[in-house]
């Protein structure tokens, strides 16, 4: 079986090559894990961010009423995909008004957050 070629470490300025799936050389894997743990602590738990028992209940009810992805259905031609997540359109987790919610498949949810992060409007 052929061996995968080594690639440069993802850490900025590191000259080492790696075959690790993380993309980091052994020296920088530990630093990346430490950075990720710090980010997780700063971000807080889902409940601390407003996604508590009330949200889980509202989300389940909304998915039962809207089982298909709203963005896939708007495509031309429409694509029928099951919705697995409920997305807040105004990014306020405390506003569970059905007008503010949108049922999305995982791919569309990732695209929505990517467009919000980079300021693009893909709707």
PDB file of N, CA and C in Angstrom:
ATOM      1  N   UNK A   1       0.840  -1.177   0.000  1.00  0.00           N
ATOM      2  CA  UNK A   1       0.000   0.000   0.000  1.00  0.00           C
ATOM      3  C   UNK A   1       0.885   1.240   0.000  1.00  0.00           C
ATOM      4  N   UNK A   2       0.589   2.213  -0.847  1.00  0.00           N
ATOM      5  CA  UNK A   2       1.424   3.414  -0.910  1.00  0.00           C
ATOM      6  C   UNK A   2       1.298   4.261   0.355  1.00  0.00           C
ATOM      7  N   UNK A   3       2.365   4.938   0.680  1.00  0.00           N
ATOM      8  CA  UNK A   3       2.408   5.819   1.850  1.00  0.00           C
ATOM      9  C   UNK A   3       1.994   7.221   1.412  1.00  0.00           C
ATOM     10  N   UNK A   4       1.157   7.866   2.246  1.00  0.00           N
ATOM     11  CA  UNK A   4       0.748   9.236   1.941  1.00  0.00           C
ATOM     12  C   UNK A   4       1.958  10.156   2.014  1.00  0.00           C
ATOM     13  N   UNK A   5       2.058  11.114   1.107  1.00  0.00           N
ATOM     14  CA  UNK A   5       3.177  12.053   1.176  1.00  0.00           C
ATOM     15  C   UNK A   5       3.028  12.980   2.378  1.00  0.00           C
ATOM     16  N   UNK A   6       4.150  13.366   2.925  1.00  0.00           N
ATOM     17  CA  UNK A   6       4.133  14.318   4.040  1.00  0.00           C
ATOM     18  C   UNK A   6       3.732  15.683   3.510  1.00  0.00           C
ATOM     19  N   UNK A   7       3.143  16.479   4.385  1.00  0.00           N
ATOM     20  CA  UNK A   7       2.761  17.840   4.006  1.00  0.00           C
ATOM     21  C   UNK A   7       3.271  18.801   5.071  1.00  0.00           C
ATOM     22  N   UNK A   8       3.361  20.066   4.732  1.00  0.00           N
ATOM     23  CA  UNK A   8       3.870  21.047   5.710  1.00  0.00           C
ATOM     24  C   UNK A   8       2.949  21.167   6.920  1.00  0.00           C
ATOM     25  N   UNK A   9       3.543  21.414   8.071  1.00  0.00           N
ATOM     26  CA  UNK A   9       2.786  21.639   9.307  1.00  0.00           C
ATOM     27  C   UNK A   9       1.911  22.879   9.129  1.00  0.00           C
ATOM     28  N   UNK A  10       0.683  22.842   9.687  1.00  0.00           N
ATOM     29  CA  UNK A  10      -0.255  23.959   9.561  1.00  0.00           C
ATOM     30  C   UNK A  10       0.103  25.136  10.458  1.00  0.00           C
ATOM     31  N   UNK A  11       1.010  24.934  11.415  1.00  0.00           N
ATOM     32  CA  UNK A  11       1.371  26.007  12.330  1.00  0.00           C
ATOM     33  C   UNK A  11       2.151  27.071  11.560  1.00  0.00           C
ATOM     34  N   UNK A  12       1.776  28.341  11.676  1.00  0.00           N
ATOM     35  CA  UNK A  12       2.441  29.400  10.901  1.00  0.00           C
ATOM     36  C   UNK A  12       3.948  29.433  11.128  1.00  0.00           C
ATOM     37  N   UNK A  13       4.692  29.385  10.039  1.00  0.00           N
ATOM     38  CA  UNK A  13       6.137  29.491  10.095  1.00  0.00           C
ATOM     39  C   UNK A  13       6.879  28.210  10.418  1.00  0.00           C
ATOM     40  N   UNK A  14       6.188  27.111  10.648  1.00  0.00           N
ATOM     41  CA  UNK A  14       6.846  25.845  10.991  1.00  0.00           C
ATOM     42  C   UNK A  14       7.376  25.180   9.720  1.00  0.00           C
ATOM     43  N   UNK A  15       8.664  24.823   9.696  1.00  0.00           N
ATOM     44  CA  UNK A  15       9.239  24.218   8.495  1.00  0.00           C
ATOM     45  C   UNK A  15       9.096  22.697   8.444  1.00  0.00           C
ATOM     46  N   UNK A  16       8.554  22.070   9.491  1.00  0.00           N
ATOM     47  CA  UNK A  16       8.488  20.610   9.553  1.00  0.00           C
ATOM     48  C   UNK A  16       7.383  20.035   8.670  1.00  0.00           C
ATOM     49  N   UNK A  17       7.560  18.768   8.294  1.00  0.00           N
ATOM     50  CA  UNK A  17       6.553  18.031   7.536  1.00  0.00           C
ATOM     51  C   UNK A  17       5.866  17.053   8.470  1.00  0.00           C
ATOM     52  N   UNK A  18       4.620  16.698   8.131  1.00  0.00           N
ATOM     53  CA  UNK A  18       3.862  15.774   8.965  1.00  0.00           C
ATOM     54  C   UNK A  18       2.981  14.885   8.108  1.00  0.00           C
ATOM     55  N   UNK A  19       2.626  13.740   8.684  1.00  0.00           N
ATOM     56  CA  UNK A  19       1.646  12.859   8.060  1.00  0.00           C
ATOM     57  C   UNK A  19       0.422  12.716   8.952  1.00  0.00           C
ATOM     58  N   UNK A  20       0.416  13.428  10.075  1.00  0.00           N
ATOM     59  CA  UNK A  20      -0.695  13.359  11.017  1.00  0.00           C
ATOM     60  C   UNK A  20      -1.950  13.968  10.402  1.00  0.00           C
ATOM     61  N   UNK A  21      -3.106  13.349  10.682  1.00  0.00           N
ATOM     62  CA  UNK A  21      -4.358  13.834  10.087  1.00  0.00           C
ATOM     63  C   UNK A  21      -4.741  15.231  10.570  1.00  0.00           C
ATOM     64  N   UNK A  22      -4.218  15.663  11.714  1.00  0.00           N
ATOM     65  CA  UNK A  22      -4.514  17.017  12.199  1.00  0.00           C
ATOM     66  C   UNK A  22      -3.827  18.078  11.349  1.00  0.00           C
ATOM     67  N   UNK A  23      -2.748  17.693  10.666  1.00  0.00           N
ATOM     68  CA  UNK A  23      -2.008  18.647   9.855  1.00  0.00           C
ATOM     69  C   UNK A  23      -0.888  19.339  10.611  1.00  0.00           C
ATOM     70  N   UNK A  24      -0.686  18.962  11.887  1.00  0.00           N
ATOM     71  CA  UNK A  24       0.357  19.569  12.703  1.00  0.00           C
ATOM     72  C   UNK A  24       1.483  18.571  12.947  1.00  0.00           C
ATOM     73  N   UNK A  25       2.706  19.086  13.065  1.00  0.00           N
ATOM     74  CA  UNK A  25       3.847  18.238  13.415  1.00  0.00           C
ATOM     75  C   UNK A  25       3.731  17.895  14.906  1.00  0.00           C
ATOM     76  N   UNK A  26       4.486  16.886  15.383  1.00  0.00           N
ATOM     77  CA  UNK A  26       4.373  16.488  16.800  1.00  0.00           C
ATOM     78  C   UNK A  26       4.602  17.644  17.771  1.00  0.00           C
ATOM     79  N   UNK A  27       5.460  18.576  17.414  1.00  0.00           N
ATOM     80  CA  UNK A  27       5.751  19.706  18.292  1.00  0.00           C
ATOM     81  C   UNK A  27       4.539  20.622  18.468  1.00  0.00           C
ATOM     82  N   UNK A  28       3.733  20.771  17.407  1.00  0.00           N
ATOM     83  CA  UNK A  28       2.630  21.725  17.447  1.00  0.00           C
ATOM     84  C   UNK A  28       1.268  21.109  17.724  1.00  0.00           C
ATOM     85  N   UNK A  29       1.164  19.783  17.739  1.00  0.00           N
ATOM     86  CA  UNK A  29      -0.112  19.135  18.071  1.00  0.00           C
ATOM     87  C   UNK A  29      -0.549  19.543  19.476  1.00  0.00           C
ATOM     88  N   UNK A  30       0.393  19.537  20.425  1.00  0.00           N
ATOM     89  CA  UNK A  30       0.062  19.898  21.804  1.00  0.00           C
ATOM     90  C   UNK A  30      -0.398  21.348  21.901  1.00  0.00           C
ATOM     91  N   UNK A  31       0.267  22.247  21.172  1.00  0.00           N
ATOM     92  CA  UNK A  31      -0.134  23.653  21.190  1.00  0.00           C
ATOM     93  C   UNK A  31      -1.533  23.839  20.617  1.00  0.00           C
ATOM     94  N   UNK A  32      -1.855  23.097  19.562  1.00  0.00           N
ATOM     95  CA  UNK A  32      -3.179  23.206  18.956  1.00  0.00           C
ATOM     96  C   UNK A  32      -4.256  22.698  19.917  1.00  0.00           C
ATOM     97  N   UNK A  33      -3.990  21.579  20.593  1.00  0.00           N
ATOM     98  CA  UNK A  33      -4.962  21.051  21.569  1.00  0.00           C
ATOM     99  C   UNK A  33      -5.183  22.045  22.702  1.00  0.00           C
ATOM    100  N   UNK A  34      -4.094  22.675  23.168  1.00  0.00           N
ATOM    101  CA  UNK A  34      -4.200  23.666  24.238  1.00  0.00           C
ATOM    102  C   UNK A  34      -5.029  24.865  23.782  1.00  0.00           C
ATOM    103  N   UNK A  35      -4.794  25.319  22.540  1.00  0.00           N
ATOM    104  CA  UNK A  35      -5.544  26.446  21.991  1.00  0.00           C
ATOM    105  C   UNK A  35      -7.030  26.113  21.871  1.00  0.00           C
ATOM    106  N   UNK A  36      -7.347  24.892  21.417  1.00  0.00           N
ATOM    107  CA  UNK A  36      -8.749  24.481  21.280  1.00  0.00           C
ATOM    108  C   UNK A  36      -9.454  24.397  22.631  1.00  0.00           C
ATOM    109  N   UNK A  37      -8.748  23.866  23.651  1.00  0.00           N
ATOM    110  CA  UNK A  37      -9.345  23.803  24.996  1.00  0.00           C
ATOM    111  C   UNK A  37      -9.650  25.208  25.508  1.00  0.00           C
ATOM    112  N   UNK A  38      -8.726  26.140  25.284  1.00  0.00           N
ATOM    113  CA  UNK A  38      -8.924  27.530  25.718  1.00  0.00           C
ATOM    114  C   UNK A  38     -10.138  28.144  25.015  1.00  0.00           C
ATOM    115  N   UNK A  39     -10.259  27.893  23.718  1.00  0.00           N
ATOM    116  CA  UNK A  39     -11.401  28.428  22.962  1.00  0.00           C
ATOM    117  C   UNK A  39     -12.709  27.854  23.491  1.00  0.00           C
ATOM    118  N   UNK A  40     -12.725  26.557  23.817  1.00  0.00           N
ATOM    119  CA  UNK A  40     -13.931  25.927  24.347  1.00  0.00           C
ATOM    120  C   UNK A  40     -14.320  26.541  25.688  1.00  0.00           C
ATOM    121  N   UNK A  41     -13.326  26.821  26.536  1.00  0.00           N
ATOM    122  CA  UNK A  41     -13.625  27.437  27.834  1.00  0.00           C
ATOM    123  C   UNK A  41     -14.211  28.831  27.644  1.00  0.00           C
ATOM    124  N   UNK A  42     -13.654  29.596  26.722  1.00  0.00           N
ATOM    125  CA  UNK A  42     -14.132  30.960  26.480  1.00  0.00           C
ATOM    126  C   UNK A  42     -15.532  30.960  25.883  1.00  0.00           C
ATOM    127  N   UNK A  43     -15.825  29.995  25.042  1.00  0.00           N
ATOM    128  CA  UNK A  43     -17.116  29.945  24.372  1.00  0.00           C
ATOM    129  C   UNK A  43     -18.242  29.604  25.342  1.00  0.00           C
ATOM    130  N   UNK A  44     -17.992  28.741  26.295  1.00  0.00           N
ATOM    131  CA  UNK A  44     -19.002  28.345  27.264  1.00  0.00           C
ATOM    132  C   UNK A  44     -19.852  27.187  26.752  1.00  0.00           C
ATOM    133  N   UNK A  45     -20.626  26.623  27.640  1.00  0.00           N
ATOM    134  CA  UNK A  45     -21.471  25.478  27.282  1.00  0.00           C
ATOM    135  C   UNK A  45     -22.672  25.949  26.458  1.00  0.00           C
ATOM    136  N   UNK A  46     -23.357  25.001  25.856  1.00  0.00           N
ATOM    137  CA  UNK A  46     -24.545  25.326  25.069  1.00  0.00           C
ATOM    138  C   UNK A  46     -25.591  26.005  25.958  1.00  0.00           C
ATOM    139  N   UNK A  47     -25.769  25.498  27.164  1.00  0.00           N
ATOM    140  CA  UNK A  47     -26.749  26.087  28.079  1.00  0.00           C
ATOM    141  C   UNK A  47     -26.354  27.519  28.444  1.00  0.00           C
ATOM    142  N   UNK A  48     -25.060  27.752  28.636  1.00  0.00           N
ATOM    143  CA  UNK A  48     -24.595  29.101  28.977  1.00  0.00           C
ATOM    144  C   UNK A  48     -24.809  30.067  27.816  1.00  0.00           C
ATOM    145  N   UNK A  49     -24.838  29.555  26.585  1.00  0.00           N
ATOM    146  CA  UNK A  49     -25.055  30.396  25.415  1.00  0.00           C
ATOM    147  C   UNK A  49     -26.540  30.565  25.094  1.00  0.00           C
ATOM    148  N   UNK A  50     -27.434  29.963  25.885  1.00  0.00           N
ATOM    149  CA  UNK A  50     -28.861  30.169  25.686  1.00  0.00           C
ATOM    150  C   UNK A  50     -29.598  28.993  25.087  1.00  0.00           C
ATOM    151  N   UNK A  51     -28.911  27.895  24.813  1.00  0.00           N
ATOM    152  CA  UNK A  51     -29.553  26.716  24.230  1.00  0.00           C
ATOM    153  C   UNK A  51     -29.874  25.728  25.343  1.00  0.00           C
ATOM    154  N   UNK A  52     -30.926  26.027  26.074  1.00  0.00           N
ATOM    155  CA  UNK A  52     -31.307  25.239  27.234  1.00  0.00           C
ATOM    156  C   UNK A  52     -32.469  24.307  26.916  1.00  0.00           C
ATOM    157  N   UNK A  53     -33.149  23.816  27.952  1.00  0.00           N
ATOM    158  CA  UNK A  53     -34.253  22.867  27.794  1.00  0.00           C
ATOM    159  C   UNK A  53     -35.387  23.459  26.957  1.00  0.00           C
ATOM    160  N   UNK A  54     -35.679  24.739  27.160  1.00  0.00           N
ATOM    161  CA  UNK A  54     -36.752  25.376  26.374  1.00  0.00           C
ATOM    162  C   UNK A  54     -36.407  25.392  24.890  1.00  0.00           C
ATOM    163  N   UNK A  55     -35.123  25.671  24.576  1.00  0.00           N
ATOM    164  CA  UNK A  55     -34.709  25.682  23.177  1.00  0.00           C
ATOM    165  C   UNK A  55     -34.813  24.281  22.564  1.00  0.00           C
ATOM    166  N   UNK A  56     -34.374  23.263  23.298  1.00  0.00           N
ATOM    167  CA  UNK A  56     -34.429  21.901  22.752  1.00  0.00           C
ATOM    168  C   UNK A  56     -35.872  21.501  22.465  1.00  0.00           C
ATOM    169  N   UNK A  57     -36.785  21.896  23.351  1.00  0.00           N
ATOM    170  CA  UNK A  57     -38.199  21.584  23.152  1.00  0.00           C
ATOM    171  C   UNK A  57     -38.749  22.342  21.940  1.00  0.00           C
ATOM    172  N   UNK A  58     -38.464  23.632  21.842  1.00  0.00           N
ATOM    173  CA  UNK A  58     -38.942  24.439  20.711  1.00  0.00           C
ATOM    174  C   UNK A  58     -38.352  23.940  19.402  1.00  0.00           C
ATOM    175  N   UNK A  59     -37.092  23.540  19.432  1.00  0.00           N
ATOM    176  CA  UNK A  59     -36.415  23.039  18.240  1.00  0.00           C
ATOM    177  C   UNK A  59     -37.057  21.740  17.745  1.00  0.00           C
ATOM    178  N   UNK A  60     -37.341  20.826  18.668  1.00  0.00           N
ATOM    179  CA  UNK A  60     -37.993  19.565  18.283  1.00  0.00           C
ATOM    180  C   UNK A  60     -39.364  19.810  17.672  1.00  0.00           C
ATOM    181  N   UNK A  61     -40.133  20.690  18.300  1.00  0.00           N
ATOM    182  CA  UNK A  61     -41.460  20.994  17.774  1.00  0.00           C
ATOM    183  C   UNK A  61     -41.378  21.604  16.379  1.00  0.00           C
ATOM    184  N   UNK A  62     -40.436  22.515  16.188  1.00  0.00           N
ATOM    185  CA  UNK A  62     -40.285  23.175  14.886  1.00  0.00           C
ATOM    186  C   UNK A  62     -39.866  22.168  13.817  1.00  0.00           C
ATOM    187  N   UNK A  63     -38.945  21.258  14.147  1.00  0.00           N
ATOM    188  CA  UNK A  63     -38.521  20.246  13.179  1.00  0.00           C
ATOM    189  C   UNK A  63     -39.656  19.291  12.827  1.00  0.00           C
ATOM    190  N   UNK A  64     -40.518  18.987  13.791  1.00  0.00           N
ATOM    191  CA  UNK A  64     -41.666  18.125  13.501  1.00  0.00           C
ATOM    192  C   UNK A  64     -42.632  18.804  12.531  1.00  0.00           C
ATOM    193  N   UNK A  65     -42.767  20.119  12.665  1.00  0.00           N
ATOM    194  CA  UNK A  65     -43.670  20.863  11.781  1.00  0.00           C
ATOM    195  C   UNK A  65     -43.035  21.193  10.434  1.00  0.00           C
ATOM    196  N   UNK A  66     -41.693  21.297  10.387  1.00  0.00           N
ATOM    197  CA  UNK A  66     -40.963  21.658   9.168  1.00  0.00           C
ATOM    198  C   UNK A  66     -39.860  20.624   8.929  1.00  0.00           C
ATOM    199  N   UNK A  67     -40.190  19.454   8.399  1.00  0.00           N
ATOM    200  CA  UNK A  67     -39.207  18.372   8.274  1.00  0.00           C
ATOM    201  C   UNK A  67     -38.209  18.530   7.121  1.00  0.00           C
ATOM    202  N   UNK A  68     -38.437  19.486   6.212  1.00  0.00           N
ATOM    203  CA  UNK A  68     -37.552  19.644   5.060  1.00  0.00           C
ATOM    204  C   UNK A  68     -36.713  20.910   5.179  1.00  0.00           C
ATOM    205  N   UNK A  69     -35.522  20.873   4.590  1.00  0.00           N
ATOM    206  CA  UNK A  69     -34.605  22.015   4.608  1.00  0.00           C
ATOM    207  C   UNK A  69     -35.207  23.173   3.817  1.00  0.00           C
ATOM    208  N   UNK A  70     -35.304  24.331   4.453  1.00  0.00           N
ATOM    209  CA  UNK A  70     -35.915  25.505   3.818  1.00  0.00           C
ATOM    210  C   UNK A  70     -35.067  26.038   2.665  1.00  0.00           C
ATOM    211  N   UNK A  71     -33.754  26.023   2.792  1.00  0.00           N
ATOM    212  CA  UNK A  71     -32.896  26.563   1.735  1.00  0.00           C
ATOM    213  C   UNK A  71     -32.804  25.625   0.539  1.00  0.00           C
ATOM    214  N   UNK A  72     -32.767  24.328   0.785  1.00  0.00           N
ATOM    215  CA  UNK A  72     -32.747  23.360  -0.328  1.00  0.00           C
ATOM    216  C   UNK A  72     -34.036  23.461  -1.135  1.00  0.00           C
ATOM    217  N   UNK A  73     -35.144  23.714  -0.456  1.00  0.00           N
ATOM    218  CA  UNK A  73     -36.435  23.816  -1.145  1.00  0.00           C
ATOM    219  C   UNK A  73     -36.504  25.063  -2.025  1.00  0.00           C
ATOM    220  N   UNK A  74     -35.701  26.106  -1.697  1.00  0.00           N
ATOM    221  CA  UNK A  74     -35.707  27.345  -2.481  1.00  0.00           C
ATOM    222  C   UNK A  74     -34.824  27.266  -3.725  1.00  0.00           C
ATOM    223  N   UNK A  75     -33.986  26.229  -3.811  1.00  0.00           N
ATOM    224  CA  UNK A  75     -33.082  26.111  -4.954  1.00  0.00           C
ATOM    225  C   UNK A  75     -33.878  25.840  -6.222  1.00  0.00           C
ATOM    226  N   UNK A  76     -33.262  26.136  -7.350  1.00  0.00           N
ATOM    227  CA  UNK A  76     -33.932  25.889  -8.624  1.00  0.00           C
ATOM    228  C   UNK A  76     -33.084  24.914  -9.428  1.00  0.00           C
ATOM    229  N   UNK A  77     -33.496  23.699  -9.639  1.00  0.00           N
ATOM    230  CA  UNK A  77     -34.727  23.065  -9.194  1.00  0.00           C
ATOM    231  C   UNK A  77     -34.654  22.731  -7.698  1.00  0.00           C
ATOM    232  N   UNK A  78     -35.809  22.648  -7.052  1.00  0.00           N
ATOM    233  CA  UNK A  78     -35.841  22.362  -5.615  1.00  0.00           C
ATOM    234  C   UNK A  78     -35.213  21.007  -5.294  1.00  0.00           C
ATOM    235  N   UNK A  79     -34.494  20.963  -4.197  1.00  0.00           N
ATOM    236  CA  UNK A  79     -33.897  19.726  -3.702  1.00  0.00           C
ATOM    237  C   UNK A  79     -34.640  19.367  -2.425  1.00  0.00           C
ATOM    238  N   UNK A  80     -34.985  18.108  -2.294  1.00  0.00           N
ATOM    239  CA  UNK A  80     -35.701  17.680  -1.088  1.00  0.00           C
ATOM    240  C   UNK A  80     -34.712  16.990  -0.168  1.00  0.00           C
ATOM    241  N   UNK A  81     -34.394  17.659   0.946  1.00  0.00           N
ATOM    242  CA  UNK A  81     -33.490  17.102   1.949  1.00  0.00           C
ATOM    243  C   UNK A  81     -34.125  17.279   3.318  1.00  0.00           C
ATOM    244  N   UNK A  82     -33.896  16.303   4.170  1.00  0.00           N
ATOM    245  CA  UNK A  82     -34.435  16.357   5.527  1.00  0.00           C
ATOM    246  C   UNK A  82     -33.694  17.414   6.349  1.00  0.00           C
ATOM    247  N   UNK A  83     -34.442  18.163   7.113  1.00  0.00           N
ATOM    248  CA  UNK A  83     -33.852  19.153   8.022  1.00  0.00           C
ATOM    249  C   UNK A  83     -33.426  18.443   9.298  1.00  0.00           C
ATOM    250  N   UNK A  84     -32.277  18.801   9.804  1.00  0.00           N
ATOM    251  CA  UNK A  84     -31.784  18.184  11.037  1.00  0.00           C
ATOM    252  C   UNK A  84     -31.506  19.220  12.125  1.00  0.00           C
ATOM    253  N   UNK A  85     -31.506  20.507  11.757  1.00  0.00           N
ATOM    254  CA  UNK A  85     -31.202  21.580  12.699  1.00  0.00           C
ATOM    255  C   UNK A  85     -32.180  22.725  12.543  1.00  0.00           C
ATOM    256  N   UNK A  86     -32.325  23.491  13.600  1.00  0.00           N
ATOM    257  CA  UNK A  86     -33.131  24.703  13.529  1.00  0.00           C
ATOM    258  C   UNK A  86     -32.180  25.875  13.720  1.00  0.00           C
ATOM    259  N   UNK A  87     -32.257  26.836  12.808  1.00  0.00           N
ATOM    260  CA  UNK A  87     -31.346  27.971  12.771  1.00  0.00           C
ATOM    261  C   UNK A  87     -32.084  29.244  13.156  1.00  0.00           C
ATOM    262  N   UNK A  88     -31.483  30.046  14.038  1.00  0.00           N
ATOM    263  CA  UNK A  88     -32.020  31.367  14.364  1.00  0.00           C
ATOM    264  C   UNK A  88     -31.581  32.325  13.269  1.00  0.00           C
ATOM    265  N   UNK A  89     -32.520  32.986  12.633  1.00  0.00           N
ATOM    266  CA  UNK A  89     -32.161  33.907  11.564  1.00  0.00           C
ATOM    267  C   UNK A  89     -31.517  35.182  12.082  1.00  0.00           C
ATOM    268  N   UNK A  90     -31.899  35.632  13.276  1.00  0.00           N
ATOM    269  CA  UNK A  90     -31.312  36.872  13.806  1.00  0.00           C
ATOM    270  C   UNK A  90     -30.185  36.616  14.803  1.00  0.00           C
ATOM    271  N   UNK A  91     -29.723  35.376  14.919  1.00  0.00           N
ATOM    272  CA  UNK A  91     -28.608  34.982  15.782  1.00  0.00           C
ATOM    273  C   UNK A  91     -28.867  35.272  17.260  1.00  0.00           C
ATOM    274  N   UNK A  92     -30.122  35.374  17.672  1.00  0.00           N
ATOM    275  CA  UNK A  92     -30.467  35.586  19.076  1.00  0.00           C
ATOM    276  C   UNK A  92     -31.079  34.298  19.604  1.00  0.00           C
ATOM    277  N   UNK A  93     -30.363  33.525  20.425  1.00  0.00           N
ATOM    278  CA  UNK A  93     -30.895  32.252  20.892  1.00  0.00           C
ATOM    279  C   UNK A  93     -32.087  32.378  21.825  1.00  0.00           C
ATOM    280  N   UNK A  94     -32.401  33.578  22.246  1.00  0.00           N
ATOM    281  CA  UNK A  94     -33.534  33.761  23.156  1.00  0.00           C
ATOM    282  C   UNK A  94     -34.820  34.093  22.410  1.00  0.00           C
ATOM    283  N   UNK A  95     -34.733  34.305  21.104  1.00  0.00           N
ATOM    284  CA  UNK A  95     -35.908  34.622  20.300  1.00  0.00           C
ATOM    285  C   UNK A  95     -36.346  33.369  19.552  1.00  0.00           C
ATOM    286  N   UNK A  96     -37.221  32.581  20.181  1.00  0.00           N
ATOM    287  CA  UNK A  96     -37.677  31.330  19.581  1.00  0.00           C
ATOM    288  C   UNK A  96     -39.003  31.495  18.849  1.00  0.00           C
ATOM    289  N   UNK A  97     -39.283  32.695  18.403  1.00  0.00           N
ATOM    290  CA  UNK A  97     -40.468  32.963  17.615  1.00  0.00           C
ATOM    291  C   UNK A  97     -40.346  32.202  16.286  1.00  0.00           C
ATOM    292  N   UNK A  98     -41.387  31.459  15.871  1.00  0.00           N
ATOM    293  CA  UNK A  98     -41.298  30.684  14.626  1.00  0.00           C
ATOM    294  C   UNK A  98     -40.913  31.507  13.395  1.00  0.00           C
ATOM    295  N   UNK A  99     -41.217  32.800  13.380  1.00  0.00           N
ATOM    296  CA  UNK A  99     -40.834  33.652  12.251  1.00  0.00           C
ATOM    297  C   UNK A  99     -39.310  33.788  12.177  1.00  0.00           C
ATOM    298  N   UNK A 100     -38.639  33.672  13.328  1.00  0.00           N
ATOM    299  CA  UNK A 100     -37.191  33.814  13.414  1.00  0.00           C
ATOM    300  C   UNK A 100     -36.450  32.500  13.150  1.00  0.00           C
ATOM    301  N   UNK A 101     -37.157  31.385  13.061  1.00  0.00           N
ATOM    302  CA  UNK A 101     -36.511  30.079  12.928  1.00  0.00           C
ATOM    303  C   UNK A 101     -36.541  29.578  11.500  1.00  0.00           C
ATOM    304  N   UNK A 102     -35.580  28.709  11.172  1.00  0.00           N
ATOM    305  CA  UNK A 102     -35.507  28.109   9.846  1.00  0.00           C
ATOM    306  C   UNK A 102     -34.962  26.687  10.009  1.00  0.00           C
ATOM    307  N   UNK A 103     -35.666  25.695   9.450  1.00  0.00           N
ATOM    308  CA  UNK A 103     -35.221  24.311   9.487  1.00  0.00           C
ATOM    309  C   UNK A 103     -34.221  24.096   8.350  1.00  0.00           C
ATOM    310  N   UNK A 104     -33.039  23.551   8.689  1.00  0.00           N
ATOM    311  CA  UNK A 104     -31.984  23.394   7.693  1.00  0.00           C
ATOM    312  C   UNK A 104     -31.333  22.015   7.777  1.00  0.00           C
ATOM    313  N   UNK A 105     -30.792  21.573   6.635  1.00  0.00           N
ATOM    314  CA  UNK A 105     -29.942  20.383   6.639  1.00  0.00           C
ATOM    315  C   UNK A 105     -28.560  20.824   7.138  1.00  0.00           C
ATOM    316  N   UNK A 106     -27.710  19.887   7.427  1.00  0.00           N
ATOM    317  CA  UNK A 106     -26.398  20.216   7.976  1.00  0.00           C
ATOM    318  C   UNK A 106     -25.562  21.056   7.012  1.00  0.00           C
ATOM    319  N   UNK A 107     -25.582  20.722   5.720  1.00  0.00           N
ATOM    320  CA  UNK A 107     -24.799  21.477   4.730  1.00  0.00           C
ATOM    321  C   UNK A 107     -25.239  22.939   4.659  1.00  0.00           C
ATOM    322  N   UNK A 108     -26.535  23.167   4.580  1.00  0.00           N
ATOM    323  CA  UNK A 108     -27.044  24.543   4.498  1.00  0.00           C
ATOM    324  C   UNK A 108     -26.761  25.314   5.783  1.00  0.00           C
ATOM    325  N   UNK A 109     -26.823  24.640   6.937  1.00  0.00           N
ATOM    326  CA  UNK A 109     -26.531  25.304   8.209  1.00  0.00           C
ATOM    327  C   UNK A 109     -25.081  25.761   8.242  1.00  0.00           C
ATOM    328  N   UNK A 110     -24.173  24.927   7.771  1.00  0.00           N
ATOM    329  CA  UNK A 110     -22.765  25.314   7.724  1.00  0.00           C
ATOM    330  C   UNK A 110     -22.564  26.493   6.771  1.00  0.00           C
ATOM    331  N   UNK A 111     -23.252  26.481   5.628  1.00  0.00           N
ATOM    332  CA  UNK A 111     -23.132  27.587   4.670  1.00  0.00           C
ATOM    333  C   UNK A 111     -23.674  28.881   5.266  1.00  0.00           C
ATOM    334  N   UNK A 112     -24.771  28.787   6.005  1.00  0.00           N
ATOM    335  CA  UNK A 112     -25.338  29.980   6.653  1.00  0.00           C
ATOM    336  C   UNK A 112     -24.341  30.599   7.621  1.00  0.00           C
ATOM    337  N   UNK A 113     -23.718  29.761   8.447  1.00  0.00           N
ATOM    338  CA  UNK A 113     -22.765  30.295   9.420  1.00  0.00           C
ATOM    339  C   UNK A 113     -21.504  30.800   8.737  1.00  0.00           C
ATOM    340  N   UNK A 114     -21.089  30.179   7.658  1.00  0.00           N
ATOM    341  CA  UNK A 114     -19.925  30.662   6.918  1.00  0.00           C
ATOM    342  C   UNK A 114     -20.226  32.022   6.301  1.00  0.00           C
ATOM    343  N   UNK A 115     -21.438  32.192   5.766  1.00  0.00           N
ATOM    344  CA  UNK A 115     -21.785  33.478   5.159  1.00  0.00           C
ATOM    345  C   UNK A 115     -21.904  34.567   6.227  1.00  0.00           C
ATOM    346  N   UNK A 116     -22.373  34.219   7.425  1.00  0.00           N
ATOM    347  CA  UNK A 116     -22.457  35.195   8.509  1.00  0.00           C
ATOM    348  C   UNK A 116     -21.065  35.580   8.978  1.00  0.00           C
ATOM    349  N   UNK A 117     -20.175  34.609   9.055  1.00  0.00           N
ATOM    350  CA  UNK A 117     -18.819  34.854   9.552  1.00  0.00           C
ATOM    351  C   UNK A 117     -18.062  35.799   8.628  1.00  0.00           C
ATOM    352  N   UNK A 118     -18.230  35.615   7.332  1.00  0.00           N
ATOM    353  CA  UNK A 118     -17.482  36.411   6.362  1.00  0.00           C
ATOM    354  C   UNK A 118     -18.279  37.552   5.778  1.00  0.00           C
ATOM    355  N   UNK A 119     -19.494  37.785   6.286  1.00  0.00           N
ATOM    356  CA  UNK A 119     -20.270  38.936   5.860  1.00  0.00           C
ATOM    357  C   UNK A 119     -20.935  38.782   4.502  1.00  0.00           C
ATOM    358  N   UNK A 120     -20.993  37.574   3.984  1.00  0.00           N
ATOM    359  CA  UNK A 120     -21.670  37.347   2.700  1.00  0.00           C
ATOM    360  C   UNK A 120     -23.127  37.053   2.961  1.00  0.00           C
ATOM    361  N   UNK A 121     -23.993  37.460   2.078  1.00  0.00           N
ATOM    362  CA  UNK A 121     -25.396  37.131   2.209  1.00  0.00           C
ATOM    363  C   UNK A 121     -25.760  36.166   1.087  1.00  0.00           C
ATOM    364  N   UNK A 122     -25.940  34.896   1.455  1.00  0.00           N
ATOM    365  CA  UNK A 122     -26.194  33.870   0.446  1.00  0.00           C
ATOM    366  C   UNK A 122     -27.668  33.597   0.247  1.00  0.00           C
ATOM    367  N   UNK A 123     -28.525  34.319   0.956  1.00  0.00           N
ATOM    368  CA  UNK A 123     -29.955  34.048   0.819  1.00  0.00           C
ATOM    369  C   UNK A 123     -30.506  34.668  -0.414  1.00  0.00           C
TER     370      UNK A 123
END
